[in-house]
Amino acid sequence: MKTTSLLLEQFKYDKSPIISFQYDPDMPVRVRRILEAVGHERILKIQLGRTPVQEFPLKLLDLLSDSKFTDKQLELGYDELYHNYLLITIENSRGPNVLQHLLEGVGRNTTACTVFKLEKAQRIALKYPMLPDEVIDVYDIPLTPNKTLTLHQLISTASNADENFYKYDAGENNMCQTFVENIIDINGLMANIVDQATLDALKPIDSKALISTLGKRANFVKATTDLSAKLDEIVFDHKILRKKVSQKESGQLHRSNSTDSTSIDALRDAIALVQQISQSVLHELLPPSVSSLQDTPQQIIEQWVRL
């Protein structure tokens, strides 16, 4: 995997035009809509935020690795594992300056602002942070003086330079922490950080070494993440959720016998992916005598029940 410094240097000398988010096919629809609305707004503050990884997935990884995962975590000196993200405060040029009405002593020229949380889990997401949990353990990322940076610029610059921007694979060190570090570095903000605690919190863990403790079962982690990403894409990008339509529209649809082919294809792909992943997981978790590679997931389950 390329280091962030190499990504930055490569991007500086890359003369290819930047692909804007409107034309980026990998950009989730929900993120694109937010950027269409406020992507032009000036960034006022960037902070690194982090929350401890929940206990259940860590216990599951430890179970799948026969406790090797925790042993490796301690060996690498990680007292606790964190999910990293960015808290981005942007100017809200269209919203009213409510602070002037709510707080005494606030100047008339106080800038209205909005805070977004930018993160990568199974897919990248841009949304409002959960208060107060996600604004407790935070570290300031100083902006470059006298240089305007918009939300659109921050994200599009990183997505064009980082070939793994949209990929999540903890087994290859492509996860939330590398995602955050790359965005900061590619946008030239790393040199602004002088606080050692911030640099320490920003440094990614060696997730590849941790996931390698699972052996062949490491495929389970990637398969689960891929499935979650696919389901997220189907539900939110292809709009499988039904919308209410008028009786007239319903009649027209019925007469034309029209079908959303994109949604149908997406559903078929998801079903095939679920079958593939479930078969892979069952073969990893169950004894070799239970199943053969030719068995379907249903046949494997039936064999397991008969044992």
C-alpha atoms as a PDB file:
ATOM      1  CA  MET A   1       0.000   0.000   0.000  1.00  0.00           C
ATOM      2  CA  LYS A   2       1.256   3.470  -0.857  1.00  0.00           C
ATOM      3  CA  THR A   3       2.110   5.758   2.021  1.00  0.00           C
ATOM      4  CA  THR A   4       0.259   9.037   2.327  1.00  0.00           C
ATOM      5  CA  SER A   5       3.385  11.040   1.528  1.00  0.00           C
ATOM      6  CA  LEU A   6       3.772   9.154  -1.753  1.00  0.00           C
ATOM      7  CA  LEU A   7       0.105   9.761  -2.551  1.00  0.00           C
ATOM      8  CA  LEU A   8       0.583  13.483  -2.001  1.00  0.00           C
ATOM      9  CA  GLU A   9       3.713  13.695  -4.158  1.00  0.00           C
ATOM     10  CA  GLN A  10       2.099  11.645  -6.921  1.00  0.00           C
ATOM     11  CA  PHE A  11      -0.971  13.864  -6.885  1.00  0.00           C
ATOM     12  CA  LYS A  12       1.129  17.049  -7.122  1.00  0.00           C
ATOM     13  CA  TYR A  13       2.639  15.904 -10.413  1.00  0.00           C
ATOM     14  CA  ASP A  14      -0.488  14.302 -11.817  1.00  0.00           C
ATOM     15  CA  LYS A  15      -1.831  16.559 -14.576  1.00  0.00           C
ATOM     16  CA  SER A  16      -5.082  14.625 -15.018  1.00  0.00           C
ATOM     17  CA  PRO A  17      -8.216  16.721 -14.462  1.00  0.00           C
ATOM     18  CA  ILE A  18      -9.992  16.220 -11.159  1.00  0.00           C
ATOM     19  CA  ILE A  19     -13.218  14.253 -11.465  1.00  0.00           C
ATOM     20  CA  SER A  20     -15.924  16.213  -9.692  1.00  0.00           C
ATOM     21  CA  PHE A  21     -18.277  14.381  -7.346  1.00  0.00           C
ATOM     22  CA  GLN A  22     -21.185  14.900  -9.769  1.00  0.00           C
ATOM     23  CA  TYR A  23     -19.465  12.625 -12.293  1.00  0.00           C
ATOM     24  CA  ASP A  24     -17.894  10.138  -9.899  1.00  0.00           C
ATOM     25  CA  PRO A  25     -19.815   6.844 -10.288  1.00  0.00           C
ATOM     26  CA  ASP A  26     -18.487   5.502  -6.989  1.00  0.00           C
ATOM     27  CA  MET A  27     -19.754   8.431  -4.917  1.00  0.00           C
ATOM     28  CA  PRO A  28     -22.722   7.313  -2.740  1.00  0.00           C
ATOM     29  CA  VAL A  29     -25.916   9.147  -3.634  1.00  0.00           C
ATOM     30  CA  ARG A  30     -26.424  10.448  -0.099  1.00  0.00           C
ATOM     31  CA  VAL A  31     -22.938  12.014  -0.074  1.00  0.00           C
ATOM     32  CA  ARG A  32     -23.440  13.458  -3.555  1.00  0.00           C
ATOM     33  CA  ARG A  33     -26.680  15.147  -2.533  1.00  0.00           C
ATOM     34  CA  ILE A  34     -25.046  16.851   0.437  1.00  0.00           C
ATOM     35  CA  LEU A  35     -22.167  18.046  -1.718  1.00  0.00           C
ATOM     36  CA  GLU A  36     -24.594  19.380  -4.304  1.00  0.00           C
ATOM     37  CA  ALA A  37     -26.262  21.428  -1.582  1.00  0.00           C
ATOM     38  CA  VAL A  38     -23.304  22.649   0.491  1.00  0.00           C
ATOM     39  CA  GLY A  39     -20.139  21.408  -1.208  1.00  0.00           C
ATOM     40  CA  HIS A  40     -19.226  24.957  -2.224  1.00  0.00           C
ATOM     41  CA  GLU A  41     -19.246  26.157   1.390  1.00  0.00           C
ATOM     42  CA  ARG A  42     -15.971  27.196   3.022  1.00  0.00           C
ATOM     43  CA  ILE A  43     -14.513  24.920   5.685  1.00  0.00           C
ATOM     44  CA  LEU A  44     -14.078  26.713   8.994  1.00  0.00           C
ATOM     45  CA  LYS A  45     -12.650  23.876  11.084  1.00  0.00           C
ATOM     46  CA  ILE A  46     -11.525  20.256  10.727  1.00  0.00           C
ATOM     47  CA  GLN A  47     -11.180  17.908  13.682  1.00  0.00           C
ATOM     48  CA  LEU A  48     -10.158  14.307  13.998  1.00  0.00           C
ATOM     49  CA  GLY A  49     -12.727  12.394  16.007  1.00  0.00           C
ATOM     50  CA  ARG A  50     -12.581   8.852  17.290  1.00  0.00           C
ATOM     51  CA  THR A  51     -14.695   6.415  19.266  1.00  0.00           C
ATOM     52  CA  PRO A  52     -13.703   3.010  20.665  1.00  0.00           C
ATOM     53  CA  VAL A  53     -14.610   0.022  18.507  1.00  0.00           C
ATOM     54  CA  GLN A  54     -17.605  -1.775  20.008  1.00  0.00           C
ATOM     55  CA  GLU A  55     -16.980  -4.852  22.115  1.00  0.00           C
ATOM     56  CA  PHE A  56     -19.028  -7.366  20.090  1.00  0.00           C
ATOM     57  CA  PRO A  57     -17.023  -7.321  16.812  1.00  0.00           C
ATOM     58  CA  LEU A  58     -13.781  -7.553  18.770  1.00  0.00           C
ATOM     59  CA  LYS A  59     -15.045 -10.610  20.644  1.00  0.00           C
ATOM     60  CA  LEU A  60     -16.136 -12.173  17.358  1.00  0.00           C
ATOM     61  CA  LEU A  61     -12.704 -11.584  15.815  1.00  0.00           C
ATOM     62  CA  ASP A  62     -11.079 -13.077  18.883  1.00  0.00           C
ATOM     63  CA  LEU A  63     -13.345 -16.111  18.619  1.00  0.00           C
ATOM     64  CA  LEU A  64     -12.584 -16.616  14.924  1.00  0.00           C
ATOM     65  CA  SER A  65      -8.835 -16.326  15.582  1.00  0.00           C
ATOM     66  CA  ASP A  66      -8.761 -18.590  18.663  1.00  0.00           C
ATOM     67  CA  SER A  67      -7.734 -15.577  20.806  1.00  0.00           C
ATOM     68  CA  LYS A  68      -4.816 -14.711  18.516  1.00  0.00           C
ATOM     69  CA  PHE A  69      -6.417 -11.377  17.630  1.00  0.00           C
ATOM     70  CA  THR A  70      -6.193 -10.041  21.191  1.00  0.00           C
ATOM     71  CA  ASP A  71      -2.684 -11.444  21.589  1.00  0.00           C
ATOM     72  CA  LYS A  72      -1.568  -9.587  18.455  1.00  0.00           C
ATOM     73  CA  GLN A  73      -3.304  -6.398  19.605  1.00  0.00           C
ATOM     74  CA  LEU A  74      -1.355  -6.462  22.875  1.00  0.00           C
ATOM     75  CA  GLU A  75       1.853  -7.362  21.061  1.00  0.00           C
ATOM     76  CA  LEU A  76       1.468  -4.314  18.816  1.00  0.00           C
ATOM     77  CA  GLY A  77       0.846  -2.107  21.853  1.00  0.00           C
ATOM     78  CA  TYR A  78      -2.765  -1.167  21.104  1.00  0.00           C
ATOM     79  CA  ASP A  79      -4.537  -0.689  24.426  1.00  0.00           C
ATOM     80  CA  GLU A  80      -7.757   0.122  22.600  1.00  0.00           C
ATOM     81  CA  LEU A  81      -8.914   0.121  18.984  1.00  0.00           C
ATOM     82  CA  TYR A  82     -10.670   3.186  17.581  1.00  0.00           C
ATOM     83  CA  HIS A  83     -12.930   4.139  14.720  1.00  0.00           C
ATOM     84  CA  ASN A  84     -11.588   7.400  13.242  1.00  0.00           C
ATOM     85  CA  TYR A  85     -13.553  10.054  11.339  1.00  0.00           C
ATOM     86  CA  LEU A  86     -13.451  13.749  10.530  1.00  0.00           C
ATOM     87  CA  LEU A  87     -15.690  16.437  11.991  1.00  0.00           C
ATOM     88  CA  ILE A  88     -15.907  19.188   9.390  1.00  0.00           C
ATOM     89  CA  THR A  89     -17.396  22.566  10.274  1.00  0.00           C
ATOM     90  CA  ILE A  90     -18.506  24.523   7.205  1.00  0.00           C
ATOM     91  CA  GLU A  91     -19.917  27.965   6.750  1.00  0.00           C
ATOM     92  CA  ASN A  92     -23.698  27.971   6.429  1.00  0.00           C
ATOM     93  CA  SER A  93     -24.279  30.870   4.058  1.00  0.00           C
ATOM     94  CA  ARG A  94     -27.942  30.039   3.515  1.00  0.00           C
ATOM     95  CA  GLY A  95     -28.970  29.444   7.107  1.00  0.00           C
ATOM     96  CA  PRO A  96     -29.939  32.138   9.631  1.00  0.00           C
ATOM     97  CA  ASN A  97     -27.463  33.123  12.274  1.00  0.00           C
ATOM     98  CA  VAL A  98     -29.409  31.657  15.165  1.00  0.00           C
ATOM     99  CA  LEU A  99     -26.556  32.190  17.604  1.00  0.00           C
ATOM    100  CA  GLN A 100     -27.281  35.901  17.696  1.00  0.00           C
ATOM    101  CA  HIS A 101     -30.770  35.161  18.993  1.00  0.00           C
ATOM    102  CA  LEU A 102     -29.845  32.386  21.425  1.00  0.00           C
ATOM    103  CA  LEU A 103     -26.687  33.623  23.105  1.00  0.00           C
ATOM    104  CA  GLU A 104     -25.948  36.937  24.741  1.00  0.00           C
ATOM    105  CA  GLY A 105     -22.735  38.676  23.805  1.00  0.00           C
ATOM    106  CA  VAL A 106     -22.424  37.050  20.386  1.00  0.00           C
ATOM    107  CA  GLY A 107     -21.332  39.565  17.781  1.00  0.00           C
ATOM    108  CA  ARG A 108     -23.490  40.558  14.869  1.00  0.00           C
ATOM    109  CA  ASN A 109     -20.863  39.219  12.466  1.00  0.00           C
ATOM    110  CA  THR A 110     -20.770  35.714  13.948  1.00  0.00           C
ATOM    111  CA  THR A 111     -20.694  33.157  11.115  1.00  0.00           C
ATOM    112  CA  ALA A 112     -23.449  30.552  10.987  1.00  0.00           C
ATOM    113  CA  CYS A 113     -22.054  27.068  10.561  1.00  0.00           C
ATOM    114  CA  THR A 114     -22.901  23.396  10.140  1.00  0.00           C
ATOM    115  CA  VAL A 115     -20.921  20.347  11.308  1.00  0.00           C
ATOM    116  CA  PHE A 116     -20.676  17.141   9.265  1.00  0.00           C
ATOM    117  CA  LYS A 117     -19.072  13.816  10.067  1.00  0.00           C
ATOM    118  CA  LEU A 118     -17.038  12.248   7.236  1.00  0.00           C
ATOM    119  CA  GLU A 119     -16.148   8.591   7.712  1.00  0.00           C
ATOM    120  CA  LYS A 120     -15.561   5.268   5.996  1.00  0.00           C
ATOM    121  CA  ALA A 121     -17.199   2.089   7.242  1.00  0.00           C
ATOM    122  CA  GLN A 122     -18.471  -0.344   4.611  1.00  0.00           C
ATOM    123  CA  ARG A 123     -18.864   2.768   2.403  1.00  0.00           C
ATOM    124  CA  ILE A 124     -17.987   6.400   2.840  1.00  0.00           C
ATOM    125  CA  ALA A 125     -20.600   8.522   4.572  1.00  0.00           C
ATOM    126  CA  LEU A 126     -21.211  12.214   5.190  1.00  0.00           C
ATOM    127  CA  LYS A 127     -23.772  12.980   7.880  1.00  0.00           C
ATOM    128  CA  TYR A 128     -24.487  14.869  11.075  1.00  0.00           C
ATOM    129  CA  PRO A 129     -22.504  13.636  14.115  1.00  0.00           C
ATOM    130  CA  MET A 130     -24.215  11.932  17.040  1.00  0.00           C
ATOM    131  CA  LEU A 131     -24.098  14.160  20.091  1.00  0.00           C
ATOM    132  CA  PRO A 132     -22.368  14.045  22.458  1.00  0.00           C
ATOM    133  CA  ASP A 133     -20.538  10.721  21.918  1.00  0.00           C
ATOM    134  CA  GLU A 134     -18.866  11.643  18.648  1.00  0.00           C
ATOM    135  CA  VAL A 135     -17.587  15.057  19.711  1.00  0.00           C
ATOM    136  CA  ILE A 136     -15.813  14.088  22.937  1.00  0.00           C
ATOM    137  CA  ASP A 137     -12.465  12.606  21.850  1.00  0.00           C
ATOM    138  CA  VAL A 138     -11.467  15.150  19.173  1.00  0.00           C
ATOM    139  CA  TYR A 139      -8.232  16.712  17.907  1.00  0.00           C
ATOM    140  CA  ASP A 140      -7.880  19.916  15.889  1.00  0.00           C
ATOM    141  CA  ILE A 141      -6.433  19.738  12.374  1.00  0.00           C
ATOM    142  CA  PRO A 142      -5.182  23.288  11.623  1.00  0.00           C
ATOM    143  CA  LEU A 143      -6.188  24.718   8.263  1.00  0.00           C
ATOM    144  CA  THR A 144      -3.652  26.400   6.004  1.00  0.00           C
ATOM    145  CA  PRO A 145      -3.745  30.177   6.640  1.00  0.00           C
ATOM    146  CA  ASN A 146      -5.012  32.438   3.857  1.00  0.00           C
ATOM    147  CA  LYS A 147      -6.112  29.458   1.762  1.00  0.00           C
ATOM    148  CA  THR A 148      -9.782  28.719   1.173  1.00  0.00           C
ATOM    149  CA  LEU A 149     -10.790  25.068   1.314  1.00  0.00           C
ATOM    150  CA  THR A 150     -14.331  23.951   0.514  1.00  0.00           C
ATOM    151  CA  LEU A 151     -16.040  20.708   1.413  1.00  0.00           C
ATOM    152  CA  HIS A 152     -16.117  19.749  -2.253  1.00  0.00           C
ATOM    153  CA  GLN A 153     -12.388  20.408  -2.650  1.00  0.00           C
ATOM    154  CA  LEU A 154     -11.486  18.402   0.438  1.00  0.00           C
ATOM    155  CA  ILE A 155     -13.359  15.296  -0.678  1.00  0.00           C
ATOM    156  CA  SER A 156     -12.792  15.450  -4.449  1.00  0.00           C
ATOM    157  CA  THR A 157      -9.060  16.073  -4.085  1.00  0.00           C
ATOM    158  CA  ALA A 158      -8.699  12.969  -1.909  1.00  0.00           C
ATOM    159  CA  SER A 159     -10.996  10.774  -4.012  1.00  0.00           C
ATOM    160  CA  ASN A 160      -8.995  11.563  -7.152  1.00  0.00           C
ATOM    161  CA  ALA A 161      -5.583  10.933  -5.583  1.00  0.00           C
ATOM    162  CA  ASP A 162      -6.319   7.877  -3.445  1.00  0.00           C
ATOM    163  CA  GLU A 163      -7.122   4.770  -5.499  1.00  0.00           C
ATOM    164  CA  ASN A 164      -8.417   3.082  -2.327  1.00  0.00           C
ATOM    165  CA  PHE A 165     -10.692   5.988  -1.356  1.00  0.00           C
ATOM    166  CA  TYR A 166     -13.867   3.931  -1.794  1.00  0.00           C
ATOM    167  CA  LYS A 167     -12.477   0.521  -0.856  1.00  0.00           C
ATOM    168  CA  TYR A 168     -12.751  -0.958   2.631  1.00  0.00           C
ATOM    169  CA  ASP A 169     -10.502  -3.915   3.328  1.00  0.00           C
ATOM    170  CA  ALA A 170      -9.061  -4.095   6.839  1.00  0.00           C
ATOM    171  CA  GLY A 171      -6.929  -7.032   5.729  1.00  0.00           C
ATOM    172  CA  GLU A 172      -5.062  -4.677   3.381  1.00  0.00           C
ATOM    173  CA  ASN A 173      -4.960  -1.668   5.740  1.00  0.00           C
ATOM    174  CA  ASN A 174      -7.716   0.107   3.803  1.00  0.00           C
ATOM    175  CA  MET A 175     -10.010   1.172   6.627  1.00  0.00           C
ATOM    176  CA  CYS A 176     -11.332   4.192   8.516  1.00  0.00           C
ATOM    177  CA  GLN A 177      -7.989   5.296   9.924  1.00  0.00           C
ATOM    178  CA  THR A 178      -6.064   5.222   6.636  1.00  0.00           C
ATOM    179  CA  PHE A 179      -9.038   6.941   4.975  1.00  0.00           C
ATOM    180  CA  VAL A 180      -8.836   9.863   7.415  1.00  0.00           C
ATOM    181  CA  GLU A 181      -5.046  10.129   7.320  1.00  0.00           C
ATOM    182  CA  ASN A 182      -5.000  10.128   3.513  1.00  0.00           C
ATOM    183  CA  ILE A 183      -7.574  12.927   3.288  1.00  0.00           C
ATOM    184  CA  ILE A 184      -5.537  15.097   5.655  1.00  0.00           C
ATOM    185  CA  ASP A 185      -2.242  14.399   3.906  1.00  0.00           C
ATOM    186  CA  ILE A 186      -3.460  14.680   0.298  1.00  0.00           C
ATOM    187  CA  ASN A 187      -5.009  18.064   1.056  1.00  0.00           C
ATOM    188  CA  GLY A 188      -1.675  19.308   2.421  1.00  0.00           C
ATOM    189  CA  LEU A 189      -2.817  19.641   6.024  1.00  0.00           C
ATOM    190  CA  MET A 190      -0.425  17.188   7.658  1.00  0.00           C
ATOM    191  CA  ALA A 191       2.370  19.760   7.858  1.00  0.00           C
ATOM    192  CA  ASN A 192       0.075  22.046   9.872  1.00  0.00           C
ATOM    193  CA  ILE A 193      -0.149  19.564  12.772  1.00  0.00           C
ATOM    194  CA  VAL A 194       2.385  20.210  15.535  1.00  0.00           C
ATOM    195  CA  ASP A 195       0.539  18.592  18.449  1.00  0.00           C
ATOM    196  CA  GLN A 196       2.021  15.146  19.114  1.00  0.00           C
ATOM    197  CA  ALA A 197      -1.205  13.796  20.628  1.00  0.00           C
ATOM    198  CA  THR A 198      -3.004  14.621  17.375  1.00  0.00           C
ATOM    199  CA  LEU A 199      -0.313  12.925  15.297  1.00  0.00           C
ATOM    200  CA  ASP A 200      -0.494   9.836  17.511  1.00  0.00           C
ATOM    201  CA  ALA A 201      -4.288   9.662  17.247  1.00  0.00           C
ATOM    202  CA  LEU A 202      -4.102  10.130  13.477  1.00  0.00           C
ATOM    203  CA  LYS A 203      -1.586   7.333  12.910  1.00  0.00           C
ATOM    204  CA  PRO A 204      -3.348   4.202  11.583  1.00  0.00           C
ATOM    205  CA  ILE A 205      -3.013   0.866  13.320  1.00  0.00           C
ATOM    206  CA  ASP A 206      -1.642  -2.172  11.502  1.00  0.00           C
ATOM    207  CA  SER A 207      -5.021  -3.745  10.767  1.00  0.00           C
ATOM    208  CA  LYS A 208      -3.444  -6.116   8.256  1.00  0.00           C
ATOM    209  CA  ALA A 209      -1.385  -7.743  11.019  1.00  0.00           C
ATOM    210  CA  LEU A 210      -4.479  -8.017  13.229  1.00  0.00           C
ATOM    211  CA  ILE A 211      -6.704  -9.544  10.551  1.00  0.00           C
ATOM    212  CA  SER A 212      -3.963 -11.980   9.509  1.00  0.00           C
ATOM    213  CA  THR A 213      -4.427 -13.736  12.863  1.00  0.00           C
ATOM    214  CA  LEU A 214      -7.710 -15.115  11.494  1.00  0.00           C
ATOM    215  CA  GLY A 215      -5.912 -17.162   8.849  1.00  0.00           C
ATOM    216  CA  LYS A 216      -8.300 -18.349   6.144  1.00  0.00           C
ATOM    217  CA  ARG A 217     -11.191 -16.954   8.145  1.00  0.00           C
ATOM    218  CA  ALA A 218      -9.977 -13.447   7.282  1.00  0.00           C
ATOM    219  CA  ASN A 219     -12.193 -13.812   4.203  1.00  0.00           C
ATOM    220  CA  PHE A 220     -15.160 -13.700   6.577  1.00  0.00           C
ATOM    221  CA  VAL A 221     -14.344 -10.096   7.550  1.00  0.00           C
ATOM    222  CA  LYS A 222     -14.063  -8.873   3.972  1.00  0.00           C
ATOM    223  CA  ALA A 223     -17.140 -10.810   2.860  1.00  0.00           C
ATOM    224  CA  THR A 224     -19.226  -9.302   5.643  1.00  0.00           C
ATOM    225  CA  THR A 225     -18.044  -5.781   4.794  1.00  0.00           C
ATOM    226  CA  ASP A 226     -18.704  -6.307   1.070  1.00  0.00           C
ATOM    227  CA  LEU A 227     -22.206  -7.550   1.815  1.00  0.00           C
ATOM    228  CA  SER A 228     -22.978  -4.545   4.024  1.00  0.00           C
ATOM    229  CA  ALA A 229     -21.731  -2.200   1.306  1.00  0.00           C
ATOM    230  CA  LYS A 230     -23.866  -3.910  -1.320  1.00  0.00           C
ATOM    231  CA  LEU A 231     -27.002  -3.745   0.803  1.00  0.00           C
ATOM    232  CA  ASP A 232     -26.335  -0.079   1.595  1.00  0.00           C
ATOM    233  CA  GLU A 233     -26.001   0.656  -2.113  1.00  0.00           C
ATOM    234  CA  ILE A 234     -29.225  -1.159  -2.962  1.00  0.00           C
ATOM    235  CA  VAL A 235     -31.333   0.448  -0.267  1.00  0.00           C
ATOM    236  CA  PHE A 236     -30.094   4.023  -0.611  1.00  0.00           C
ATOM    237  CA  ASP A 237     -28.592   4.383  -4.095  1.00  0.00           C
ATOM    238  CA  HIS A 238     -31.109   2.358  -6.088  1.00  0.00           C
ATOM    239  CA  LYS A 239     -34.043   3.468  -3.958  1.00  0.00           C
ATOM    240  CA  ILE A 240     -35.616   0.056  -3.453  1.00  0.00           C
ATOM    241  CA  LEU A 241     -37.818   1.521  -0.734  1.00  0.00           C
ATOM    242  CA  ARG A 242     -41.221   2.082  -2.278  1.00  0.00           C
ATOM    243  CA  LYS A 243     -42.633   5.536  -2.563  1.00  0.00           C
ATOM    244  CA  LYS A 244     -46.278   6.424  -2.485  1.00  0.00           C
ATOM    245  CA  VAL A 245     -47.661   7.135  -5.905  1.00  0.00           C
ATOM    246  CA  SER A 246     -50.996   8.529  -6.945  1.00  0.00           C
ATOM    247  CA  GLN A 247     -53.719   6.263  -8.200  1.00  0.00           C
ATOM    248  CA  LYS A 248     -53.263   7.686 -11.661  1.00  0.00           C
ATOM    249  CA  GLU A 249     -49.571   6.903 -11.663  1.00  0.00           C
ATOM    250  CA  SER A 250     -50.272   3.410 -10.374  1.00  0.00           C
ATOM    251  CA  GLY A 251     -52.685   2.810 -13.206  1.00  0.00           C
ATOM    252  CA  GLN A 252     -50.216   3.993 -15.765  1.00  0.00           C
ATOM    253  CA  LEU A 253     -47.537   1.758 -14.335  1.00  0.00           C
ATOM    254  CA  HIS A 254     -49.916  -1.196 -14.324  1.00  0.00           C
ATOM    255  CA  ARG A 255     -50.975  -0.666 -17.931  1.00  0.00           C
ATOM    256  CA  SER A 256     -47.455  -0.243 -19.185  1.00  0.00           C
ATOM    257  CA  ASN A 257     -46.243  -3.199 -17.090  1.00  0.00           C
ATOM    258  CA  SER A 258     -43.051  -1.275 -16.559  1.00  0.00           C
ATOM    259  CA  THR A 259     -40.317  -2.448 -14.172  1.00  0.00           C
ATOM    260  CA  ASP A 260     -37.350  -0.731 -12.627  1.00  0.00           C
ATOM    261  CA  SER A 261     -34.731  -2.907 -14.307  1.00  0.00           C
ATOM    262  CA  THR A 262     -31.891  -1.263 -12.426  1.00  0.00           C
ATOM    263  CA  SER A 263     -33.419  -2.152  -9.070  1.00  0.00           C
ATOM    264  CA  ILE A 264     -34.216  -5.697 -10.189  1.00  0.00           C
ATOM    265  CA  ASP A 265     -30.652  -6.237 -11.383  1.00  0.00           C
ATOM    266  CA  ALA A 266     -29.326  -4.812  -8.120  1.00  0.00           C
ATOM    267  CA  LEU A 267     -31.522  -7.179  -6.113  1.00  0.00           C
ATOM    268  CA  ARG A 268     -30.376 -10.174  -8.152  1.00  0.00           C
ATOM    269  CA  ASP A 269     -26.749  -9.198  -7.632  1.00  0.00           C
ATOM    270  CA  ALA A 270     -27.349  -8.856  -3.888  1.00  0.00           C
ATOM    271  CA  ILE A 271     -29.065 -12.245  -3.634  1.00  0.00           C
ATOM    272  CA  ALA A 272     -26.193 -13.884  -5.511  1.00  0.00           C
ATOM    273  CA  LEU A 273     -23.695 -12.138  -3.262  1.00  0.00           C
ATOM    274  CA  VAL A 274     -25.549 -13.240  -0.117  1.00  0.00           C
ATOM    275  CA  GLN A 275     -25.527 -16.848  -1.331  1.00  0.00           C
ATOM    276  CA  GLN A 276     -21.837 -16.679  -2.181  1.00  0.00           C
ATOM    277  CA  ILE A 277     -20.864 -15.102   1.127  1.00  0.00           C
ATOM    278  CA  SER A 278     -23.063 -17.352   3.267  1.00  0.00           C
ATOM    279  CA  GLN A 279     -21.602 -20.437   1.617  1.00  0.00           C
ATOM    280  CA  SER A 280     -18.088 -19.134   2.156  1.00  0.00           C
ATOM    281  CA  VAL A 281     -18.762 -18.351   5.812  1.00  0.00           C
ATOM    282  CA  LEU A 282     -20.394 -21.703   6.499  1.00  0.00           C
ATOM    283  CA  HIS A 283     -17.457 -23.541   4.963  1.00  0.00           C
ATOM    284  CA  GLU A 284     -15.092 -21.544   7.147  1.00  0.00           C
ATOM    285  CA  LEU A 285     -16.974 -22.010  10.411  1.00  0.00           C
ATOM    286  CA  LEU A 286     -18.279 -25.577  10.129  1.00  0.00           C
ATOM    287  CA  PRO A 287     -16.232 -28.794  10.265  1.00  0.00           C
ATOM    288  CA  PRO A 288     -14.945 -30.108   6.882  1.00  0.00           C
ATOM    289  CA  SER A 289     -17.083 -33.263   7.249  1.00  0.00           C
ATOM    290  CA  VAL A 290     -20.254 -31.230   7.262  1.00  0.00           C
ATOM    291  CA  SER A 291     -20.117 -29.786   3.771  1.00  0.00           C
ATOM    292  CA  SER A 292     -18.621 -30.091   0.345  1.00  0.00           C
ATOM    293  CA  LEU A 293     -17.861 -27.296  -2.085  1.00  0.00           C
ATOM    294  CA  GLN A 294     -20.780 -28.381  -4.258  1.00  0.00           C
ATOM    295  CA  ASP A 295     -23.388 -27.992  -1.520  1.00  0.00           C
ATOM    296  CA  THR A 296     -25.724 -25.021  -1.394  1.00  0.00           C
ATOM    297  CA  PRO A 297     -26.048 -23.065   1.875  1.00  0.00           C
ATOM    298  CA  GLN A 298     -29.423 -24.715   2.522  1.00  0.00           C
ATOM    299  CA  GLN A 299     -27.951 -28.200   2.033  1.00  0.00           C
ATOM    300  CA  ILE A 300     -25.085 -27.383   4.376  1.00  0.00           C
ATOM    301  CA  ILE A 301     -27.480 -26.211   7.079  1.00  0.00           C
ATOM    302  CA  GLU A 302     -29.603 -29.357   6.713  1.00  0.00           C
ATOM    303  CA  GLN A 303     -26.518 -31.551   7.059  1.00  0.00           C
ATOM    304  CA  TRP A 304     -25.486 -29.614  10.167  1.00  0.00           C
ATOM    305  CA  VAL A 305     -28.920 -30.091  11.751  1.00  0.00           C
ATOM    306  CA  ARG A 306     -28.788 -33.866  11.168  1.00  0.00           C
ATOM    307  CA  LEU A 307     -25.460 -34.221  13.008  1.00  0.00           C
END
